[in-house]
Amino acid sequence: MRQSTLDIDDLRRRRSLVITRQEAAEALGVDPRTITVGIEDGTIPSVKIGRRIVIPREKFLALFADGTS
């Protein structure tokens, strides 16, 4: 299995407003198809911009917040 170079903390440090399915999958250590299923069933927030689907970074990170902030 390939070693991930991106994790949730990396996403927290970024300034971009959105992340891609590939970035989300890499940070979680799952297949990008798993992220696609989450988007399709509504468990992962997404925004469609033209033909492209992206994930709002802050909303995605809120899914994994531990509530101690």
PDB file of N, CA and C in Angstrom:
ATOM      1  N   MET A   1       0.840  -1.186   0.000  1.00  0.00           N
ATOM      2  CA  MET A   1       0.000   0.000   0.000  1.00  0.00           C
ATOM      3  C   MET A   1       0.882   1.246   0.000  1.00  0.00           C
ATOM      4  N   ARG A   2       0.455   2.245  -0.739  1.00  0.00           N
ATOM      5  CA  ARG A   2       1.215   3.489  -0.867  1.00  0.00           C
ATOM      6  C   ARG A   2       1.136   4.313   0.408  1.00  0.00           C
ATOM      7  N   GLN A   3       2.248   4.895   0.790  1.00  0.00           N
ATOM      8  CA  GLN A   3       2.319   5.743   1.985  1.00  0.00           C
ATOM      9  C   GLN A   3       1.683   7.100   1.698  1.00  0.00           C
ATOM     10  N   SER A   4       0.752   7.512   2.545  1.00  0.00           N
ATOM     11  CA  SER A   4       0.077   8.795   2.364  1.00  0.00           C
ATOM     12  C   SER A   4       1.013   9.939   2.738  1.00  0.00           C
ATOM     13  N   THR A   5       0.977  11.002   1.946  1.00  0.00           N
ATOM     14  CA  THR A   5       1.807  12.176   2.234  1.00  0.00           C
ATOM     15  C   THR A   5       0.977  13.327   2.765  1.00  0.00           C
ATOM     16  N   LEU A   6      -0.329  13.143   2.858  1.00  0.00           N
ATOM     17  CA  LEU A   6      -1.240  14.189   3.289  1.00  0.00           C
ATOM     18  C   LEU A   6      -2.083  13.646   4.430  1.00  0.00           C
ATOM     19  N   ASP A   7      -2.279  14.440   5.474  1.00  0.00           N
ATOM     20  CA  ASP A   7      -3.154  14.004   6.562  1.00  0.00           C
ATOM     21  C   ASP A   7      -4.103  15.147   6.958  1.00  0.00           C
ATOM     22  N   ILE A   8      -4.968  14.871   7.919  1.00  0.00           N
ATOM     23  CA  ILE A   8      -5.964  15.856   8.355  1.00  0.00           C
ATOM     24  C   ILE A   8      -5.292  17.141   8.839  1.00  0.00           C
ATOM     25  N   ASP A   9      -4.190  17.022   9.558  1.00  0.00           N
ATOM     26  CA  ASP A   9      -3.487  18.221  10.033  1.00  0.00           C
ATOM     27  C   ASP A   9      -2.985  19.071   8.874  1.00  0.00           C
ATOM     28  N   ASP A  10      -2.546  18.421   7.792  1.00  0.00           N
ATOM     29  CA  ASP A  10      -2.131  19.176   6.608  1.00  0.00           C
ATOM     30  C   ASP A  10      -3.303  19.970   6.036  1.00  0.00           C
ATOM     31  N   LEU A  11      -4.478  19.341   6.018  1.00  0.00           N
ATOM     32  CA  LEU A  11      -5.664  20.043   5.512  1.00  0.00           C
ATOM     33  C   LEU A  11      -6.024  21.224   6.409  1.00  0.00           C
ATOM     34  N   ARG A  12      -5.835  21.073   7.715  1.00  0.00           N
ATOM     35  CA  ARG A  12      -6.131  22.171   8.649  1.00  0.00           C
ATOM     36  C   ARG A  12      -5.219  23.373   8.411  1.00  0.00           C
ATOM     37  N   ARG A  13      -3.987  23.119   8.015  1.00  0.00           N
ATOM     38  CA  ARG A  13      -3.021  24.204   7.797  1.00  0.00           C
ATOM     39  C   ARG A  13      -3.202  24.914   6.458  1.00  0.00           C
ATOM     40  N   ARG A  14      -3.899  24.325   5.566  1.00  0.00           N
ATOM     41  CA  ARG A  14      -4.089  24.932   4.241  1.00  0.00           C
ATOM     42  C   ARG A  14      -4.974  26.163   4.303  1.00  0.00           C
ATOM     43  N   ARG A  15      -4.840  27.007   3.301  1.00  0.00           N
ATOM     44  CA  ARG A  15      -5.649  28.216   3.213  1.00  0.00           C
ATOM     45  C   ARG A  15      -6.761  28.085   2.169  1.00  0.00           C
ATOM     46  N   SER A  16      -6.708  27.070   1.337  1.00  0.00           N
ATOM     47  CA  SER A  16      -7.708  26.937   0.278  1.00  0.00           C
ATOM     48  C   SER A  16      -9.095  26.698   0.863  1.00  0.00           C
ATOM     49  N   LEU A  17     -10.098  27.139   0.162  1.00  0.00           N
ATOM     50  CA  LEU A  17     -11.471  26.994   0.625  1.00  0.00           C
ATOM     51  C   LEU A  17     -12.036  25.608   0.343  1.00  0.00           C
ATOM     52  N   VAL A  18     -11.476  24.932  -0.655  1.00  0.00           N
ATOM     53  CA  VAL A  18     -11.987  23.617  -1.038  1.00  0.00           C
ATOM     54  C   VAL A  18     -10.854  22.609  -1.165  1.00  0.00           C
ATOM     55  N   ILE A  19     -11.239  21.333  -1.094  1.00  0.00           N
ATOM     56  CA  ILE A  19     -10.292  20.250  -1.348  1.00  0.00           C
ATOM     57  C   ILE A  19     -10.909  19.316  -2.388  1.00  0.00           C
ATOM     58  N   THR A  20     -10.078  18.530  -3.009  1.00  0.00           N
ATOM     59  CA  THR A  20     -10.555  17.582  -4.006  1.00  0.00           C
ATOM     60  C   THR A  20     -10.888  16.249  -3.352  1.00  0.00           C
ATOM     61  N   ARG A  21     -11.588  15.422  -4.109  1.00  0.00           N
ATOM     62  CA  ARG A  21     -11.873  14.068  -3.612  1.00  0.00           C
ATOM     63  C   ARG A  21     -10.572  13.314  -3.343  1.00  0.00           C
ATOM     64  N   GLN A  22      -9.609  13.477  -4.227  1.00  0.00           N
ATOM     65  CA  GLN A  22      -8.327  12.788  -4.071  1.00  0.00           C
ATOM     66  C   GLN A  22      -7.628  13.227  -2.789  1.00  0.00           C
ATOM     67  N   GLU A  23      -7.615  14.523  -2.506  1.00  0.00           N
ATOM     68  CA  GLU A  23      -6.985  15.029  -1.277  1.00  0.00           C
ATOM     69  C   GLU A  23      -7.705  14.504  -0.036  1.00  0.00           C
ATOM     70  N   ALA A  24      -9.028  14.494  -0.061  1.00  0.00           N
ATOM     71  CA  ALA A  24      -9.797  13.983   1.071  1.00  0.00           C
ATOM     72  C   ALA A  24      -9.498  12.505   1.286  1.00  0.00           C
ATOM     73  N   ALA A  25      -9.456  11.746   0.200  1.00  0.00           N
ATOM     74  CA  ALA A  25      -9.176  10.309   0.302  1.00  0.00           C
ATOM     75  C   ALA A  25      -7.781  10.060   0.851  1.00  0.00           C
ATOM     76  N   GLU A  26      -6.808  10.818   0.380  1.00  0.00           N
ATOM     77  CA  GLU A  26      -5.435  10.647   0.843  1.00  0.00           C
ATOM     78  C   GLU A  26      -5.318  10.976   2.325  1.00  0.00           C
ATOM     79  N   ALA A  27      -5.966  12.046   2.761  1.00  0.00           N
ATOM     80  CA  ALA A  27      -5.897  12.450   4.168  1.00  0.00           C
ATOM     81  C   ALA A  27      -6.524  11.404   5.086  1.00  0.00           C
ATOM     82  N   LEU A  28      -7.556  10.732   4.608  1.00  0.00           N
ATOM     83  CA  LEU A  28      -8.239   9.725   5.426  1.00  0.00           C
ATOM     84  C   LEU A  28      -7.684   8.320   5.224  1.00  0.00           C
ATOM     85  N   GLY A  29      -6.851   8.154   4.205  1.00  0.00           N
ATOM     86  CA  GLY A  29      -6.286   6.835   3.935  1.00  0.00           C
ATOM     87  C   GLY A  29      -7.306   5.869   3.341  1.00  0.00           C
ATOM     88  N   VAL A  30      -8.213   6.398   2.519  1.00  0.00           N
ATOM     89  CA  VAL A  30      -9.224   5.567   1.873  1.00  0.00           C
ATOM     90  C   VAL A  30      -9.150   5.750   0.361  1.00  0.00           C
ATOM     91  N   ASP A  31      -9.868   4.908  -0.347  1.00  0.00           N
ATOM     92  CA  ASP A  31      -9.938   5.000  -1.800  1.00  0.00           C
ATOM     93  C   ASP A  31     -10.807   6.202  -2.185  1.00  0.00           C
ATOM     94  N   PRO A  32     -10.467   6.921  -3.237  1.00  0.00           N
ATOM     95  CA  PRO A  32     -11.283   8.067  -3.667  1.00  0.00           C
ATOM     96  C   PRO A  32     -12.745   7.688  -3.935  1.00  0.00           C
ATOM     97  N   ARG A  33     -12.993   6.440  -4.307  1.00  0.00           N
ATOM     98  CA  ARG A  33     -14.381   6.013  -4.536  1.00  0.00           C
ATOM     99  C   ARG A  33     -15.186   6.051  -3.251  1.00  0.00           C
ATOM    100  N   THR A  34     -14.527   5.854  -2.115  1.00  0.00           N
ATOM    101  CA  THR A  34     -15.211   5.950  -0.822  1.00  0.00           C
ATOM    102  C   THR A  34     -15.683   7.377  -0.591  1.00  0.00           C
ATOM    103  N   ILE A  35     -14.865   8.349  -0.955  1.00  0.00           N
ATOM    104  CA  ILE A  35     -15.245   9.758  -0.830  1.00  0.00           C
ATOM    105  C   ILE A  35     -16.414  10.056  -1.764  1.00  0.00           C
ATOM    106  N   THR A  36     -16.373   9.523  -2.979  1.00  0.00           N
ATOM    107  CA  THR A  36     -17.458   9.725  -3.933  1.00  0.00           C
ATOM    108  C   THR A  36     -18.777   9.194  -3.379  1.00  0.00           C
ATOM    109  N   VAL A  37     -18.751   8.024  -2.776  1.00  0.00           N
ATOM    110  CA  VAL A  37     -19.964   7.452  -2.179  1.00  0.00           C
ATOM    111  C   VAL A  37     -20.472   8.361  -1.054  1.00  0.00           C
ATOM    112  N   GLY A  38     -19.569   8.878  -0.227  1.00  0.00           N
ATOM    113  CA  GLY A  38     -19.959   9.792   0.845  1.00  0.00           C
ATOM    114  C   GLY A  38     -20.593  11.071   0.318  1.00  0.00           C
ATOM    115  N   ILE A  39     -20.078  11.563  -0.784  1.00  0.00           N
ATOM    116  CA  ILE A  39     -20.654  12.750  -1.416  1.00  0.00           C
ATOM    117  C   ILE A  39     -22.044  12.429  -1.959  1.00  0.00           C
ATOM    118  N   GLU A  40     -22.154  11.295  -2.620  1.00  0.00           N
ATOM    119  CA  GLU A  40     -23.437  10.916  -3.223  1.00  0.00           C
ATOM    120  C   GLU A  40     -24.521  10.664  -2.180  1.00  0.00           C
ATOM    121  N   ASP A  41     -24.141  10.099  -1.017  1.00  0.00           N
ATOM    122  CA  ASP A  41     -25.173   9.834  -0.006  1.00  0.00           C
ATOM    123  C   ASP A  41     -25.354  10.988   0.982  1.00  0.00           C
ATOM    124  N   GLY A  42     -24.598  12.066   0.792  1.00  0.00           N
ATOM    125  CA  GLY A  42     -24.800  13.275   1.584  1.00  0.00           C
ATOM    126  C   GLY A  42     -24.032  13.342   2.891  1.00  0.00           C
ATOM    127  N   THR A  43     -23.208  12.348   3.189  1.00  0.00           N
ATOM    128  CA  THR A  43     -22.451  12.393   4.447  1.00  0.00           C
ATOM    129  C   THR A  43     -21.217  13.278   4.357  1.00  0.00           C
ATOM    130  N   ILE A  44     -20.749  13.518   3.152  1.00  0.00           N
ATOM    131  CA  ILE A  44     -19.621  14.437   2.942  1.00  0.00           C
ATOM    132  C   ILE A  44     -20.164  15.622   2.148  1.00  0.00           C
ATOM    133  N   PRO A  45     -20.022  16.845   2.685  1.00  0.00           N
ATOM    134  CA  PRO A  45     -20.537  18.022   1.982  1.00  0.00           C
ATOM    135  C   PRO A  45     -19.756  18.276   0.690  1.00  0.00           C
ATOM    136  N   SER A  46     -20.449  18.765  -0.313  1.00  0.00           N
ATOM    137  CA  SER A  46     -19.784  19.053  -1.587  1.00  0.00           C
ATOM    138  C   SER A  46     -20.477  20.214  -2.281  1.00  0.00           C
ATOM    139  N   VAL A  47     -19.758  20.783  -3.235  1.00  0.00           N
ATOM    140  CA  VAL A  47     -20.269  21.885  -4.047  1.00  0.00           C
ATOM    141  C   VAL A  47     -19.915  21.569  -5.490  1.00  0.00           C
ATOM    142  N   LYS A  48     -20.884  21.730  -6.355  1.00  0.00           N
ATOM    143  CA  LYS A  48     -20.634  21.528  -7.776  1.00  0.00           C
ATOM    144  C   LYS A  48     -20.358  22.879  -8.416  1.00  0.00           C
ATOM    145  N   ILE A  49     -19.203  22.987  -9.038  1.00  0.00           N
ATOM    146  CA  ILE A  49     -18.799  24.207  -9.740  1.00  0.00           C
ATOM    147  C   ILE A  49     -18.588  23.810 -11.198  1.00  0.00           C
ATOM    148  N   GLY A  50     -19.556  24.159 -12.023  1.00  0.00           N
ATOM    149  CA  GLY A  50     -19.517  23.691 -13.407  1.00  0.00           C
ATOM    150  C   GLY A  50     -19.660  22.184 -13.419  1.00  0.00           C
ATOM    151  N   ARG A  51     -18.704  21.506 -14.015  1.00  0.00           N
ATOM    152  CA  ARG A  51     -18.721  20.046 -14.045  1.00  0.00           C
ATOM    153  C   ARG A  51     -17.891  19.442 -12.915  1.00  0.00           C
ATOM    154  N   ARG A  52     -17.250  20.277 -12.151  1.00  0.00           N
ATOM    155  CA  ARG A  52     -16.342  19.817 -11.097  1.00  0.00           C
ATOM    156  C   ARG A  52     -17.039  19.789  -9.737  1.00  0.00           C
ATOM    157  N   ILE A  53     -16.768  18.750  -8.958  1.00  0.00           N
ATOM    158  CA  ILE A  53     -17.310  18.657  -7.602  1.00  0.00           C
ATOM    159  C   ILE A  53     -16.139  18.782  -6.628  1.00  0.00           C
ATOM    160  N   VAL A  54     -16.258  19.734  -5.703  1.00  0.00           N
ATOM    161  CA  VAL A  54     -15.225  19.950  -4.699  1.00  0.00           C
ATOM    162  C   VAL A  54     -15.847  19.880  -3.310  1.00  0.00           C
ATOM    163  N   ILE A  55     -15.006  19.769  -2.310  1.00  0.00           N
ATOM    164  CA  ILE A  55     -15.453  19.637  -0.925  1.00  0.00           C
ATOM    165  C   ILE A  55     -15.033  20.884  -0.160  1.00  0.00           C
ATOM    166  N   PRO A  56     -15.982  21.582   0.475  1.00  0.00           N
ATOM    167  CA  PRO A  56     -15.606  22.738   1.297  1.00  0.00           C
ATOM    168  C   PRO A  56     -14.697  22.272   2.448  1.00  0.00           C
ATOM    169  N   ARG A  57     -13.507  22.827   2.519  1.00  0.00           N
ATOM    170  CA  ARG A  57     -12.496  22.365   3.470  1.00  0.00           C
ATOM    171  C   ARG A  57     -12.976  22.446   4.914  1.00  0.00           C
ATOM    172  N   GLU A  58     -13.528  23.574   5.324  1.00  0.00           N
ATOM    173  CA  GLU A  58     -13.944  23.746   6.723  1.00  0.00           C
ATOM    174  C   GLU A  58     -15.070  22.784   7.111  1.00  0.00           C
ATOM    175  N   LYS A  59     -16.027  22.590   6.225  1.00  0.00           N
ATOM    176  CA  LYS A  59     -17.121  21.659   6.512  1.00  0.00           C
ATOM    177  C   LYS A  59     -16.620  20.230   6.605  1.00  0.00           C
ATOM    178  N   PHE A  60     -15.673  19.882   5.741  1.00  0.00           N
ATOM    179  CA  PHE A  60     -15.085  18.543   5.785  1.00  0.00           C
ATOM    180  C   PHE A  60     -14.347  18.330   7.106  1.00  0.00           C
ATOM    181  N   LEU A  61     -13.538  19.314   7.495  1.00  0.00           N
ATOM    182  CA  LEU A  61     -12.786  19.196   8.748  1.00  0.00           C
ATOM    183  C   LEU A  61     -13.714  19.150   9.962  1.00  0.00           C
ATOM    184  N   ALA A  62     -14.855  19.836   9.886  1.00  0.00           N
ATOM    185  CA  ALA A  62     -15.814  19.823  10.994  1.00  0.00           C
ATOM    186  C   ALA A  62     -16.338  18.409  11.247  1.00  0.00           C
ATOM    187  N   LEU A  63     -16.347  17.574  10.237  1.00  0.00           N
ATOM    188  CA  LEU A  63     -16.779  16.179  10.417  1.00  0.00           C
ATOM    189  C   LEU A  63     -15.869  15.439  11.386  1.00  0.00           C
ATOM    190  N   PHE A  64     -14.632  15.898  11.521  1.00  0.00           N
ATOM    191  CA  PHE A  64     -13.636  15.212  12.335  1.00  0.00           C
ATOM    192  C   PHE A  64     -13.207  16.029  13.553  1.00  0.00           C
ATOM    193  N   ALA A  65     -13.958  17.081  13.861  1.00  0.00           N
ATOM    194  CA  ALA A  65     -13.637  17.916  15.018  1.00  0.00           C
ATOM    195  C   ALA A  65     -13.879  17.108  16.292  1.00  0.00           C
ATOM    196  N   ASP A  66     -13.000  17.297  17.257  1.00  0.00           N
ATOM    197  CA  ASP A  66     -13.124  16.543  18.508  1.00  0.00           C
ATOM    198  C   ASP A  66     -13.920  17.300  19.568  1.00  0.00           C
ATOM    199  N   GLY A  67     -14.336  18.512  19.249  1.00  0.00           N
ATOM    200  CA  GLY A  67     -15.173  19.278  20.188  1.00  0.00           C
ATOM    201  C   GLY A  67     -14.417  19.929  21.313  1.00  0.00           C
ATOM    202  N   THR A  68     -13.083  19.998  21.247  1.00  0.00           N
ATOM    203  CA  THR A  68     -12.300  20.608  22.332  1.00  0.00           C
ATOM    204  C   THR A  68     -11.780  21.981  21.975  1.00  0.00           C
ATOM    205  N   SER A  69     -12.242  22.558  20.849  1.00  0.00           N
ATOM    206  CA  SER A  69     -11.697  23.850  20.414  1.00  0.00           C
ATOM    207  C   SER A  69     -12.212  25.014  21.195  1.00  0.00           C
TER     208      SER A  69
END
